[in-house]
Amino acid sequence: MQVCGCPNQATILGPKITAIDMNEVVIMQTEELEEGQRKSQYLTTSDLEWQQQRRQRGVRKLEYEVR
C-alpha cells in the first residue's frame, strides 16, 4: 500500500487506485533500480571517495563562553 500524502489522498493498493478526485491523479511508470545502480547513477567515483573521507573525519567540539 502506498499513500501520496497529498490533500487528494491518493492511495495505491496493488492494481487498485483510489483518490478523492481521480482527475488530479497522474500515473507514471518508473523503473526500479538496484541499490548499487542508484548510487552510481547520481554520484561519480570521486564523489563517493570524498564522502568516505568526510565520514572518517573527526568533529571538533567548540567551547563557547557562557555569559
PDB file of N, CA and C in Angstrom:
ATOM      1  N   MET A   1       0.851  -1.182   0.000  1.00  0.00           N
ATOM      2  CA  MET A   1       0.000   0.000   0.000  1.00  0.00           C
ATOM      3  C   MET A   1       0.892   1.238   0.000  1.00  0.00           C
ATOM      4  N   GLN A   2       0.614   2.152  -0.903  1.00  0.00           N
ATOM      5  CA  GLN A   2       1.351   3.404  -0.982  1.00  0.00           C
ATOM      6  C   GLN A   2       0.364   4.554  -0.905  1.00  0.00           C
ATOM      7  N   VAL A   3       0.718   5.556  -0.112  1.00  0.00           N
ATOM      8  CA  VAL A   3      -0.123   6.741   0.040  1.00  0.00           C
ATOM      9  C   VAL A   3       0.721   7.951  -0.301  1.00  0.00           C
ATOM     10  N   CYS A   4       0.174   8.868  -1.097  1.00  0.00           N
ATOM     11  CA  CYS A   4       0.978  10.006  -1.545  1.00  0.00           C
ATOM     12  C   CYS A   4       1.096  11.098  -0.486  1.00  0.00           C
ATOM     13  N   GLY A   5       0.132  11.236   0.401  1.00  0.00           N
ATOM     14  CA  GLY A   5       0.204  12.261   1.433  1.00  0.00           C
ATOM     15  C   GLY A   5      -0.285  13.625   0.993  1.00  0.00           C
ATOM     16  N   CYS A   6      -0.870  13.703  -0.180  1.00  0.00           N
ATOM     17  CA  CYS A   6      -1.373  14.984  -0.682  1.00  0.00           C
ATOM     18  C   CYS A   6      -2.810  15.206  -0.207  1.00  0.00           C
ATOM     19  N   PRO A   7      -3.364  16.412  -0.389  1.00  0.00           N
ATOM     20  CA  PRO A   7      -4.754  16.663   0.017  1.00  0.00           C
ATOM     21  C   PRO A   7      -5.760  15.794  -0.739  1.00  0.00           C
ATOM     22  N   ASN A   8      -5.372  15.269  -1.897  1.00  0.00           N
ATOM     23  CA  ASN A   8      -6.248  14.415  -2.691  1.00  0.00           C
ATOM     24  C   ASN A   8      -6.333  13.000  -2.118  1.00  0.00           C
ATOM     25  N   GLN A   9      -5.447  12.641  -1.225  1.00  0.00           N
ATOM     26  CA  GLN A   9      -5.411  11.355  -0.542  1.00  0.00           C
ATOM     27  C   GLN A   9      -5.394  10.172  -1.507  1.00  0.00           C
ATOM     28  N   ALA A  10      -4.503  10.219  -2.491  1.00  0.00           N
ATOM     29  CA  ALA A  10      -4.375   9.116  -3.442  1.00  0.00           C
ATOM     30  C   ALA A  10      -3.727   7.924  -2.745  1.00  0.00           C
ATOM     31  N   THR A  11      -4.276   6.733  -3.014  1.00  0.00           N
ATOM     32  CA  THR A  11      -3.797   5.506  -2.401  1.00  0.00           C
ATOM     33  C   THR A  11      -3.658   4.443  -3.476  1.00  0.00           C
ATOM     34  N   ILE A  12      -2.555   3.694  -3.440  1.00  0.00           N
ATOM     35  CA  ILE A  12      -2.333   2.599  -4.381  1.00  0.00           C
ATOM     36  C   ILE A  12      -2.232   1.319  -3.576  1.00  0.00           C
ATOM     37  N   LEU A  13      -3.101   0.366  -3.896  1.00  0.00           N
ATOM     38  CA  LEU A  13      -3.102  -0.929  -3.234  1.00  0.00           C
ATOM     39  C   LEU A  13      -3.175  -1.984  -4.322  1.00  0.00           C
ATOM     40  N   GLY A  14      -1.986  -2.478  -4.736  1.00  0.00           N
ATOM     41  CA  GLY A  14      -1.936  -3.427  -5.848  1.00  0.00           C
ATOM     42  C   GLY A  14      -2.374  -2.748  -7.130  1.00  0.00           C
ATOM     43  N   PRO A  15      -3.327  -3.346  -7.848  1.00  0.00           N
ATOM     44  CA  PRO A  15      -3.795  -2.726  -9.099  1.00  0.00           C
ATOM     45  C   PRO A  15      -4.876  -1.664  -8.866  1.00  0.00           C
ATOM     46  N   LYS A  16      -5.294  -1.465  -7.627  1.00  0.00           N
ATOM     47  CA  LYS A  16      -6.397  -0.562  -7.303  1.00  0.00           C
ATOM     48  C   LYS A  16      -5.870   0.811  -6.876  1.00  0.00           C
ATOM     49  N   ILE A  17      -6.385   1.862  -7.501  1.00  0.00           N
ATOM     50  CA  ILE A  17      -6.001   3.240  -7.176  1.00  0.00           C
ATOM     51  C   ILE A  17      -7.252   3.985  -6.739  1.00  0.00           C
ATOM     52  N   THR A  18      -7.171   4.656  -5.589  1.00  0.00           N
ATOM     53  CA  THR A  18      -8.296   5.436  -5.103  1.00  0.00           C
ATOM     54  C   THR A  18      -7.829   6.849  -4.778  1.00  0.00           C
ATOM     55  N   ALA A  19      -8.738   7.805  -4.890  1.00  0.00           N
ATOM     56  CA  ALA A  19      -8.449   9.202  -4.562  1.00  0.00           C
ATOM     57  C   ALA A  19      -9.770   9.948  -4.451  1.00  0.00           C
ATOM     58  N   ILE A  20      -9.731  11.113  -3.840  1.00  0.00           N
ATOM     59  CA  ILE A  20     -10.929  11.947  -3.746  1.00  0.00           C
ATOM     60  C   ILE A  20     -11.338  12.417  -5.141  1.00  0.00           C
ATOM     61  N   ASP A  21     -10.372  12.936  -5.916  1.00  0.00           N
ATOM     62  CA  ASP A  21     -10.640  13.399  -7.280  1.00  0.00           C
ATOM     63  C   ASP A  21      -9.681  12.685  -8.221  1.00  0.00           C
ATOM     64  N   MET A  22     -10.177  11.712  -8.971  1.00  0.00           N
ATOM     65  CA  MET A  22      -9.324  10.924  -9.866  1.00  0.00           C
ATOM     66  C   MET A  22      -8.800  11.754 -11.039  1.00  0.00           C
ATOM     67  N   ASN A  23      -9.401  12.913 -11.336  1.00  0.00           N
ATOM     68  CA  ASN A  23      -8.913  13.765 -12.420  1.00  0.00           C
ATOM     69  C   ASN A  23      -7.546  14.362 -12.085  1.00  0.00           C
ATOM     70  N   GLU A  24      -7.227  14.468 -10.811  1.00  0.00           N
ATOM     71  CA  GLU A  24      -5.953  15.038 -10.391  1.00  0.00           C
ATOM     72  C   GLU A  24      -4.841  13.994 -10.291  1.00  0.00           C
ATOM     73  N   VAL A  25      -5.162  12.729 -10.435  1.00  0.00           N
ATOM     74  CA  VAL A  25      -4.175  11.652 -10.285  1.00  0.00           C
ATOM     75  C   VAL A  25      -3.415  11.486 -11.588  1.00  0.00           C
ATOM     76  N   VAL A  26      -2.075  11.466 -11.504  1.00  0.00           N
ATOM     77  CA  VAL A  26      -1.209  11.230 -12.650  1.00  0.00           C
ATOM     78  C   VAL A  26      -0.404   9.974 -12.346  1.00  0.00           C
ATOM     79  N   ILE A  27      -0.511   8.992 -13.217  1.00  0.00           N
ATOM     80  CA  ILE A  27       0.203   7.728 -13.020  1.00  0.00           C
ATOM     81  C   ILE A  27       1.431   7.737 -13.919  1.00  0.00           C
ATOM     82  N   MET A  28       2.597   7.513 -13.310  1.00  0.00           N
ATOM     83  CA  MET A  28       3.857   7.498 -14.041  1.00  0.00           C
ATOM     84  C   MET A  28       4.515   6.143 -13.838  1.00  0.00           C
ATOM     85  N   GLN A  29       5.099   5.629 -14.879  1.00  0.00           N
ATOM     86  CA  GLN A  29       5.803   4.362 -14.772  1.00  0.00           C
ATOM     87  C   GLN A  29       7.287   4.649 -14.615  1.00  0.00           C
ATOM     88  N   THR A  30       7.886   4.089 -13.567  1.00  0.00           N
ATOM     89  CA  THR A  30       9.311   4.266 -13.326  1.00  0.00           C
ATOM     90  C   THR A  30       9.961   2.899 -13.220  1.00  0.00           C
ATOM     91  N   GLU A  31      11.245   2.862 -13.467  1.00  0.00           N
ATOM     92  CA  GLU A  31      11.990   1.623 -13.349  1.00  0.00           C
ATOM     93  C   GLU A  31      12.600   1.548 -11.965  1.00  0.00           C
ATOM     94  N   GLU A  32      12.502   0.395 -11.346  1.00  0.00           N
ATOM     95  CA  GLU A  32      13.131   0.181 -10.053  1.00  0.00           C
ATOM     96  C   GLU A  32      14.606  -0.118 -10.283  1.00  0.00           C
ATOM     97  N   LEU A  33      15.462   0.593  -9.612  1.00  0.00           N
ATOM     98  CA  LEU A  33      16.896   0.376  -9.727  1.00  0.00           C
ATOM     99  C   LEU A  33      17.404  -0.332  -8.489  1.00  0.00           C
ATOM    100  N   GLU A  34      18.410  -1.157  -8.684  1.00  0.00           N
ATOM    101  CA  GLU A  34      19.042  -1.793  -7.539  1.00  0.00           C
ATOM    102  C   GLU A  34      19.840  -0.744  -6.773  1.00  0.00           C
ATOM    103  N   GLU A  35      20.157  -1.056  -5.512  1.00  0.00           N
ATOM    104  CA  GLU A  35      20.849  -0.092  -4.648  1.00  0.00           C
ATOM    105  C   GLU A  35      22.158   0.383  -5.264  1.00  0.00           C
ATOM    106  N   GLY A  36      22.942  -0.504  -5.821  1.00  0.00           N
ATOM    107  CA  GLY A  36      24.223  -0.136  -6.424  1.00  0.00           C
ATOM    108  C   GLY A  36      24.043   0.764  -7.630  1.00  0.00           C
ATOM    109  N   GLN A  37      23.002   0.528  -8.411  1.00  0.00           N
ATOM    110  CA  GLN A  37      22.749   1.346  -9.588  1.00  0.00           C
ATOM    111  C   GLN A  37      22.309   2.746  -9.203  1.00  0.00           C
ATOM    112  N   ARG A  38      21.541   2.887  -8.119  1.00  0.00           N
ATOM    113  CA  ARG A  38      21.094   4.211  -7.687  1.00  0.00           C
ATOM    114  C   ARG A  38      22.269   5.099  -7.333  1.00  0.00           C
ATOM    115  N   LYS A  39      23.190   4.558  -6.558  1.00  0.00           N
ATOM    116  CA  LYS A  39      24.333   5.367  -6.134  1.00  0.00           C
ATOM    117  C   LYS A  39      25.218   5.721  -7.309  1.00  0.00           C
ATOM    118  N   SER A  40      25.465   4.757  -8.199  1.00  0.00           N
ATOM    119  CA  SER A  40      26.350   5.019  -9.313  1.00  0.00           C
ATOM    120  C   SER A  40      25.714   5.966 -10.325  1.00  0.00           C
ATOM    121  N   GLN A  41      24.395   6.016 -10.373  1.00  0.00           N
ATOM    122  CA  GLN A  41      23.722   6.880 -11.321  1.00  0.00           C
ATOM    123  C   GLN A  41      23.903   8.348 -10.959  1.00  0.00           C
ATOM    124  N   TYR A  42      23.931   8.660  -9.681  1.00  0.00           N
ATOM    125  CA  TYR A  42      23.961  10.057  -9.258  1.00  0.00           C
ATOM    126  C   TYR A  42      25.352  10.537  -8.837  1.00  0.00           C
ATOM    127  N   LEU A  43      26.191   9.650  -8.332  1.00  0.00           N
ATOM    128  CA  LEU A  43      27.482  10.059  -7.809  1.00  0.00           C
ATOM    129  C   LEU A  43      28.616   9.431  -8.608  1.00  0.00           C
ATOM    130  N   THR A  44      29.620  10.246  -8.886  1.00  0.00           N
ATOM    131  CA  THR A  44      30.799   9.720  -9.561  1.00  0.00           C
ATOM    132  C   THR A  44      31.698   9.051  -8.527  1.00  0.00           C
ATOM    133  N   THR A  45      32.730   8.366  -8.992  1.00  0.00           N
ATOM    134  CA  THR A  45      33.635   7.693  -8.061  1.00  0.00           C
ATOM    135  C   THR A  45      34.363   8.703  -7.189  1.00  0.00           C
ATOM    136  N   SER A  46      34.700   9.872  -7.746  1.00  0.00           N
ATOM    137  CA  SER A  46      35.379  10.891  -6.938  1.00  0.00           C
ATOM    138  C   SER A  46      34.436  11.438  -5.861  1.00  0.00           C
ATOM    139  N   ASP A  47      33.150  11.553  -6.179  1.00  0.00           N
ATOM    140  CA  ASP A  47      32.170  11.990  -5.182  1.00  0.00           C
ATOM    141  C   ASP A  47      32.054  10.980  -4.051  1.00  0.00           C
ATOM    142  N   LEU A  48      32.018   9.695  -4.390  1.00  0.00           N
ATOM    143  CA  LEU A  48      31.925   8.652  -3.373  1.00  0.00           C
ATOM    144  C   LEU A  48      33.162   8.631  -2.480  1.00  0.00           C
ATOM    145  N   GLU A  49      34.346   8.806  -3.076  1.00  0.00           N
ATOM    146  CA  GLU A  49      35.587   8.853  -2.296  1.00  0.00           C
ATOM    147  C   GLU A  49      35.569  10.047  -1.349  1.00  0.00           C
ATOM    148  N   TRP A  50      35.130  11.193  -1.833  1.00  0.00           N
ATOM    149  CA  TRP A  50      35.071  12.392  -0.998  1.00  0.00           C
ATOM    150  C   TRP A  50      34.138  12.171   0.181  1.00  0.00           C
ATOM    151  N   GLN A  51      32.987  11.526  -0.060  1.00  0.00           N
ATOM    152  CA  GLN A  51      32.052  11.262   1.029  1.00  0.00           C
ATOM    153  C   GLN A  51      32.653  10.317   2.064  1.00  0.00           C
ATOM    154  N   GLN A  52      33.381   9.293   1.604  1.00  0.00           N
ATOM    155  CA  GLN A  52      34.012   8.366   2.538  1.00  0.00           C
ATOM    156  C   GLN A  52      35.048   9.077   3.396  1.00  0.00           C
ATOM    157  N   GLN A  53      35.848   9.955   2.800  1.00  0.00           N
ATOM    158  CA  GLN A  53      36.847  10.710   3.554  1.00  0.00           C
ATOM    159  C   GLN A  53      36.164  11.642   4.550  1.00  0.00           C
ATOM    160  N   ARG A  54      35.069  12.240   4.155  1.00  0.00           N
ATOM    161  CA  ARG A  54      34.348  13.160   5.036  1.00  0.00           C
ATOM    162  C   ARG A  54      33.770  12.426   6.242  1.00  0.00           C
ATOM    163  N   ARG A  55      33.284  11.206   6.039  1.00  0.00           N
ATOM    164  CA  ARG A  55      32.742  10.422   7.146  1.00  0.00           C
ATOM    165  C   ARG A  55      33.815  10.066   8.163  1.00  0.00           C
ATOM    166  N   GLN A  56      35.036   9.883   7.697  1.00  0.00           N
ATOM    167  CA  GLN A  56      36.117   9.462   8.580  1.00  0.00           C
ATOM    168  C   GLN A  56      36.723  10.608   9.372  1.00  0.00           C
ATOM    169  N   ARG A  57      36.439  11.841   8.986  1.00  0.00           N
ATOM    170  CA  ARG A  57      36.987  12.987   9.707  1.00  0.00           C
ATOM    171  C   ARG A  57      36.387  13.101  11.086  1.00  0.00           C
ATOM    172  N   GLY A  58      37.187  13.550  12.008  1.00  0.00           N
ATOM    173  CA  GLY A  58      36.695  13.778  13.365  1.00  0.00           C
ATOM    174  C   GLY A  58      35.997  15.124  13.468  1.00  0.00           C
ATOM    175  N   VAL A  59      35.191  15.268  14.480  1.00  0.00           N
ATOM    176  CA  VAL A  59      34.465  16.516  14.701  1.00  0.00           C
ATOM    177  C   VAL A  59      35.047  17.195  15.919  1.00  0.00           C
ATOM    178  N   ARG A  60      35.444  18.460  15.756  1.00  0.00           N
ATOM    179  CA  ARG A  60      35.968  19.215  16.886  1.00  0.00           C
ATOM    180  C   ARG A  60      34.832  19.811  17.671  1.00  0.00           C
ATOM    181  N   LYS A  61      34.955  19.769  18.956  1.00  0.00           N
ATOM    182  CA  LYS A  61      33.957  20.409  19.807  1.00  0.00           C
ATOM    183  C   LYS A  61      34.460  21.804  20.144  1.00  0.00           C
ATOM    184  N   LEU A  62      33.625  22.774  19.901  1.00  0.00           N
ATOM    185  CA  LEU A  62      33.985  24.153  20.207  1.00  0.00           C
ATOM    186  C   LEU A  62      33.389  24.518  21.555  1.00  0.00           C
ATOM    187  N   GLU A  63      34.201  25.181  22.350  1.00  0.00           N
ATOM    188  CA  GLU A  63      33.717  25.629  23.659  1.00  0.00           C
ATOM    189  C   GLU A  63      33.408  27.117  23.569  1.00  0.00           C
ATOM    190  N   TYR A  64      32.220  27.459  23.980  1.00  0.00           N
ATOM    191  CA  TYR A  64      31.795  28.848  23.934  1.00  0.00           C
ATOM    192  C   TYR A  64      31.747  29.406  25.351  1.00  0.00           C
ATOM    193  N   GLU A  65      31.990  30.683  25.422  1.00  0.00           N
ATOM    194  CA  GLU A  65      31.961  31.358  26.716  1.00  0.00           C
ATOM    195  C   GLU A  65      30.502  31.545  27.149  1.00  0.00           C
ATOM    196  N   VAL A  66      30.219  31.136  28.365  1.00  0.00           N
ATOM    197  CA  VAL A  66      28.862  31.252  28.889  1.00  0.00           C
ATOM    198  C   VAL A  66      28.757  32.562  29.639  1.00  0.00           C
ATOM    199  N   ARG A  67      27.771  33.361  29.319  1.00  0.00           N
ATOM    200  CA  ARG A  67      27.629  34.658  29.970  1.00  0.00           C
ATOM    201  C   ARG A  67      26.563  34.604  31.026  1.00  0.00           C
TER     202      ARG A  67
END
